[in-house]
Amino acid sequence: MSTATQAPIHTAEVVREYGPFPAAPRVHGVSHDGRQVWAATDGALFAFDPTSGEPTRQLDRACDAGTAWDGKHLWQIAGARIDKLDPATGEVLHSIPAPGAGKDSGLTWAEGHLWVGQYSDRAIRQIDPATGAVLRSIASDRFVTGVTWVDGELWHGTWEHDESELRRIDPASGAVRERLRMPTGLHVSGLEWDGAGLFYCGGGSSGKVRAVKRPGRAGKAEGQRR
């Protein structure tokens, strides 16, 4: 198995910062619905236009960790549960137990399932969105924050010893294949790919969201999706 120290490491290229936003002191989960970026900020889930940076929506819901978009609905970690939300109204349509019972971090949707980062457990869980049952577990050697899938590749954020990285890992073995080291002082809470050339990274207590260029792709500095 490849180890993290053997994986190629590069400096992450931050192409744009958004925020901090009014009444949003912390950013936890981040997602992208194809048009706008969603950010979880304690008591409210809000969206902003990645081109203008202007807020577009706000849903007043508990949201203290990861956020995901399944193509139709939002999913949001709220303490020890994960809520399925109507993006138009914020109504909770369904809830399942979070695998970490309140110790969860990142969240994303892929292959018909939810994938949950667990910070201090240093793991990623694939779960059934209907029941919350854990289907598989992938171990990490770092604290796991946000998670996302990129063209069939699994990426996750880390935040440990005041350092953060984005890591591409083998979803079968958990082996680290590539590392993007964030510049000093920049941390990653939530993480989501925009479907084109950018990662969106929650900035924790900075209250910011940062766009990071995906390696080998022409990221769009103004944050536009295709």
Protein backbone atom coordinates (compact mmCIF):
# COMPACT_ATOMS: atom_id res chain seq x y z
CA MET A 1 0.00 0.00 0.00
CA SER A 2 1.20 3.50 -0.80
CA THR A 3 1.69 5.68 2.27
CA ALA A 4 0.98 9.38 2.61
CA THR A 5 4.70 10.18 2.67
CA GLN A 6 5.15 8.47 -0.71
CA ALA A 7 2.28 10.32 -2.41
CA PRO A 8 3.06 13.34 -4.61
CA ILE A 9 2.54 16.57 -2.70
CA HIS A 10 1.79 20.00 -4.15
CA THR A 11 0.81 23.39 -2.77
CA ALA A 12 -2.91 24.02 -3.18
CA GLU A 13 -3.68 26.91 -5.53
CA VAL A 14 -6.37 29.10 -3.94
CA VAL A 15 -7.98 31.06 -6.76
CA ARG A 16 -10.69 32.92 -4.85
CA GLU A 17 -11.99 33.59 -1.34
CA TYR A 18 -15.62 34.27 -0.41
CA GLY A 19 -16.77 35.92 2.81
CA PRO A 20 -16.77 36.18 5.69
CA PHE A 21 -20.54 36.49 5.47
CA PRO A 22 -22.87 38.40 7.82
CA ALA A 23 -23.99 36.38 10.85
CA ALA A 24 -21.88 33.41 9.76
CA PRO A 25 -18.82 33.25 12.03
CA ARG A 26 -17.91 29.67 11.08
CA VAL A 27 -18.20 27.57 7.93
CA HIS A 28 -18.61 23.84 8.35
CA GLY A 29 -20.04 21.83 5.43
CA VAL A 30 -19.88 22.98 1.82
CA SER A 31 -21.78 21.71 -1.21
CA HIS A 32 -22.51 22.72 -4.82
CA ASP A 33 -25.82 22.21 -6.61
CA GLY A 34 -24.60 23.00 -10.12
CA ARG A 35 -25.34 26.73 -9.86
CA GLN A 36 -24.65 27.92 -6.34
CA VAL A 37 -22.46 27.00 -3.40
CA TRP A 38 -24.08 26.03 -0.09
CA ALA A 39 -22.34 26.59 3.23
CA ALA A 40 -23.34 25.33 6.69
CA THR A 41 -22.82 27.99 9.37
CA ASP A 42 -24.13 26.72 12.72
CA GLY A 43 -27.76 27.90 12.71
CA ALA A 44 -28.24 28.57 9.00
CA LEU A 45 -27.49 26.93 5.69
CA PHE A 46 -26.99 29.57 3.05
CA ALA A 47 -26.15 29.67 -0.64
CA PHE A 48 -24.11 32.15 -2.65
CA ASP A 49 -23.43 32.78 -6.31
CA PRO A 50 -19.83 31.69 -7.03
CA THR A 51 -19.49 34.30 -9.79
CA SER A 52 -20.59 37.37 -7.88
CA GLY A 53 -19.99 36.05 -4.36
CA GLU A 54 -23.41 37.40 -3.32
CA PRO A 55 -25.66 35.37 -0.97
CA THR A 56 -28.73 34.00 -2.75
CA ARG A 57 -30.61 31.80 -0.24
CA GLN A 58 -30.81 31.04 3.47
CA LEU A 59 -32.41 28.10 5.25
CA ASP A 60 -32.63 28.44 9.02
CA ARG A 61 -31.67 24.93 10.05
CA ALA A 62 -29.20 23.37 12.46
CA CYS A 63 -26.07 22.69 10.43
CA ASP A 64 -22.91 22.11 12.41
CA ALA A 65 -21.01 19.84 10.02
CA GLY A 66 -21.11 18.47 6.46
CA THR A 67 -23.53 19.31 3.65
CA ALA A 68 -24.35 17.31 0.49
CA TRP A 69 -26.43 17.64 -2.69
CA ASP A 70 -27.94 14.55 -4.33
CA GLY A 71 -29.21 16.28 -7.48
CA LYS A 72 -32.59 17.13 -5.97
CA HIS A 73 -32.26 17.50 -2.20
CA LEU A 74 -29.80 18.83 0.34
CA TRP A 75 -28.47 16.61 3.13
CA GLN A 76 -27.19 18.19 6.30
CA ILE A 77 -25.43 16.87 9.39
CA ALA A 78 -27.12 18.30 12.49
CA GLY A 79 -25.62 16.90 15.67
CA ALA A 80 -26.26 13.16 15.88
CA ARG A 81 -28.51 13.02 12.83
CA ILE A 82 -28.45 13.71 9.09
CA ASP A 83 -31.44 15.60 7.67
CA LYS A 84 -32.73 15.41 4.11
CA LEU A 85 -33.96 18.90 3.21
CA ASP A 86 -36.24 20.41 0.60
CA PRO A 87 -33.94 23.10 -0.90
CA ALA A 88 -36.89 25.36 -1.69
CA THR A 89 -38.42 25.48 1.79
CA GLY A 90 -35.85 23.98 4.17
CA GLU A 91 -38.41 21.41 5.30
CA VAL A 92 -36.91 18.25 6.81
CA LEU A 93 -38.18 15.38 4.65
CA HIS A 94 -36.35 12.53 6.33
CA SER A 95 -33.73 12.01 9.04
CA ILE A 96 -31.26 9.19 9.69
CA PRO A 97 -28.75 8.66 12.49
CA ALA A 98 -25.26 10.00 11.79
CA PRO A 99 -22.70 7.20 12.07
CA GLY A 100 -20.50 9.14 14.49
CA ALA A 101 -23.41 10.11 16.75
CA GLY A 102 -22.35 13.75 16.77
CA LYS A 103 -18.66 13.30 15.96
CA ASP A 104 -19.12 13.54 12.18
CA SER A 105 -17.51 16.15 9.93
CA GLY A 106 -17.76 15.98 6.11
CA LEU A 107 -20.62 14.78 3.92
CA THR A 108 -21.06 14.11 0.21
CA TRP A 109 -23.31 12.14 -2.14
CA ALA A 110 -22.02 9.66 -4.72
CA GLU A 111 -23.13 6.38 -6.29
CA GLY A 112 -26.54 6.58 -4.62
CA HIS A 113 -25.08 6.76 -1.12
CA LEU A 114 -23.91 9.26 1.47
CA TRP A 115 -20.24 9.36 2.43
CA VAL A 116 -19.48 10.74 5.88
CA GLY A 117 -16.16 12.01 7.18
CA GLN A 118 -15.48 11.32 10.84
CA TYR A 119 -12.97 13.74 12.26
CA SER A 120 -11.36 12.23 15.35
CA ASP A 121 -12.09 8.64 14.26
CA ARG A 122 -9.96 9.31 11.16
CA ALA A 123 -12.38 7.50 8.89
CA ILE A 124 -14.84 7.86 6.02
CA ARG A 125 -18.10 5.87 6.14
CA GLN A 126 -20.33 4.97 3.22
CA ILE A 127 -23.90 4.85 4.50
CA ASP A 128 -27.38 3.93 3.31
CA PRO A 129 -29.36 7.19 2.86
CA ALA A 130 -32.61 5.45 3.79
CA THR A 131 -31.50 3.94 7.10
CA GLY A 132 -28.10 5.33 8.03
CA ALA A 133 -26.60 1.83 8.08
CA VAL A 134 -22.83 1.81 7.56
CA LEU A 135 -21.94 -0.10 4.38
CA ARG A 136 -18.15 0.39 4.37
CA SER A 137 -15.41 2.17 6.23
CA ILE A 138 -12.17 3.67 4.93
CA ALA A 139 -9.41 4.47 7.41
CA SER A 140 -7.22 7.59 7.26
CA ASP A 141 -4.01 8.49 9.07
CA ARG A 142 -5.21 12.08 9.60
CA PHE A 143 -8.28 13.77 11.07
CA VAL A 144 -10.92 13.81 8.31
CA THR A 145 -12.94 16.94 7.56
CA GLY A 146 -14.79 17.37 4.23
CA VAL A 147 -15.22 14.60 1.67
CA THR A 148 -16.05 14.66 -2.04
CA TRP A 149 -15.89 12.51 -5.18
CA VAL A 150 -14.19 13.74 -8.35
CA ASP A 151 -14.73 11.69 -11.53
CA GLY A 152 -14.76 8.45 -9.56
CA GLU A 153 -11.90 9.53 -7.28
CA LEU A 154 -12.38 10.03 -3.54
CA TRP A 155 -10.90 13.17 -1.95
CA HIS A 156 -11.02 14.36 1.62
CA GLY A 157 -9.84 17.30 3.66
CA THR A 158 -7.58 17.08 6.70
CA TRP A 159 -7.03 19.49 9.58
CA GLU A 160 -4.47 18.48 12.17
CA HIS A 161 -1.67 20.26 14.07
CA ASP A 162 -2.83 23.56 12.53
CA GLU A 163 -2.19 22.17 9.02
CA SER A 164 -4.66 21.24 6.30
CA GLU A 165 -4.48 19.24 3.09
CA LEU A 166 -6.74 17.93 0.36
CA ARG A 167 -6.00 14.26 -0.27
CA ARG A 168 -6.91 11.96 -3.13
CA ILE A 169 -7.19 8.41 -1.81
CA ASP A 170 -7.81 4.94 -3.16
CA PRO A 171 -11.43 4.20 -2.15
CA ALA A 172 -10.69 0.48 -1.89
CA SER A 173 -7.60 0.59 0.29
CA GLY A 174 -7.52 4.11 1.70
CA ALA A 175 -3.98 4.59 0.34
CA VAL A 176 -3.09 8.24 -0.31
CA ARG A 177 -2.45 8.92 -4.00
CA GLU A 178 -2.02 12.71 -4.05
CA ARG A 179 -1.76 15.57 -1.53
CA LEU A 180 -2.53 19.26 -1.91
CA ARG A 181 -1.12 21.20 1.03
CA MET A 182 -3.03 24.35 1.94
CA PRO A 183 -0.97 27.52 2.44
CA THR A 184 0.03 28.25 6.03
CA GLY A 185 -2.87 29.45 8.14
CA LEU A 186 -5.60 28.24 5.75
CA HIS A 187 -7.68 25.33 7.01
CA VAL A 188 -10.25 23.01 5.48
CA SER A 189 -13.53 22.17 7.19
CA GLY A 190 -16.05 21.29 4.43
CA LEU A 191 -15.11 20.18 0.93
CA GLU A 192 -16.96 19.81 -2.39
CA TRP A 193 -16.04 19.58 -6.06
CA ASP A 194 -17.98 21.80 -8.45
CA GLY A 195 -18.12 19.25 -11.28
CA ALA A 196 -15.61 21.23 -13.33
CA GLY A 197 -12.21 22.54 -12.20
CA LEU A 198 -12.61 23.68 -8.60
CA PHE A 199 -12.85 22.44 -5.05
CA TYR A 200 -14.82 24.58 -2.61
CA CYS A 201 -13.36 24.45 0.91
CA GLY A 202 -14.99 25.60 4.10
CA GLY A 203 -12.60 27.72 6.13
CA GLY A 204 -13.77 26.92 9.66
CA SER A 205 -13.59 29.85 12.09
CA SER A 206 -12.37 32.22 9.35
CA GLY A 207 -15.97 32.35 8.12
CA LYS A 208 -14.72 32.00 4.55
CA VAL A 209 -15.13 29.60 1.65
CA ARG A 210 -12.13 29.16 -0.62
CA ALA A 211 -12.01 27.94 -4.21
CA VAL A 212 -9.00 25.69 -4.88
CA LYS A 213 -7.93 24.68 -8.36
CA ARG A 214 -8.13 20.99 -9.10
CA PRO A 215 -4.72 19.71 -10.24
CA GLY A 216 -4.45 19.15 -13.95
CA ARG A 217 -7.63 21.06 -14.68
CA ALA A 218 -8.21 24.63 -15.82
CA GLY A 219 -9.93 26.08 -12.75
CA LYS A 220 -12.15 29.09 -13.38
CA ALA A 221 -10.85 31.92 -11.25
CA GLU A 222 -14.26 33.55 -11.04
CA GLY A 223 -15.77 30.40 -9.55
CA GLN A 224 -18.05 29.61 -12.48
CA ARG A 225 -19.15 26.07 -13.19
CA ARG A 226 -19.36 25.07 -16.82
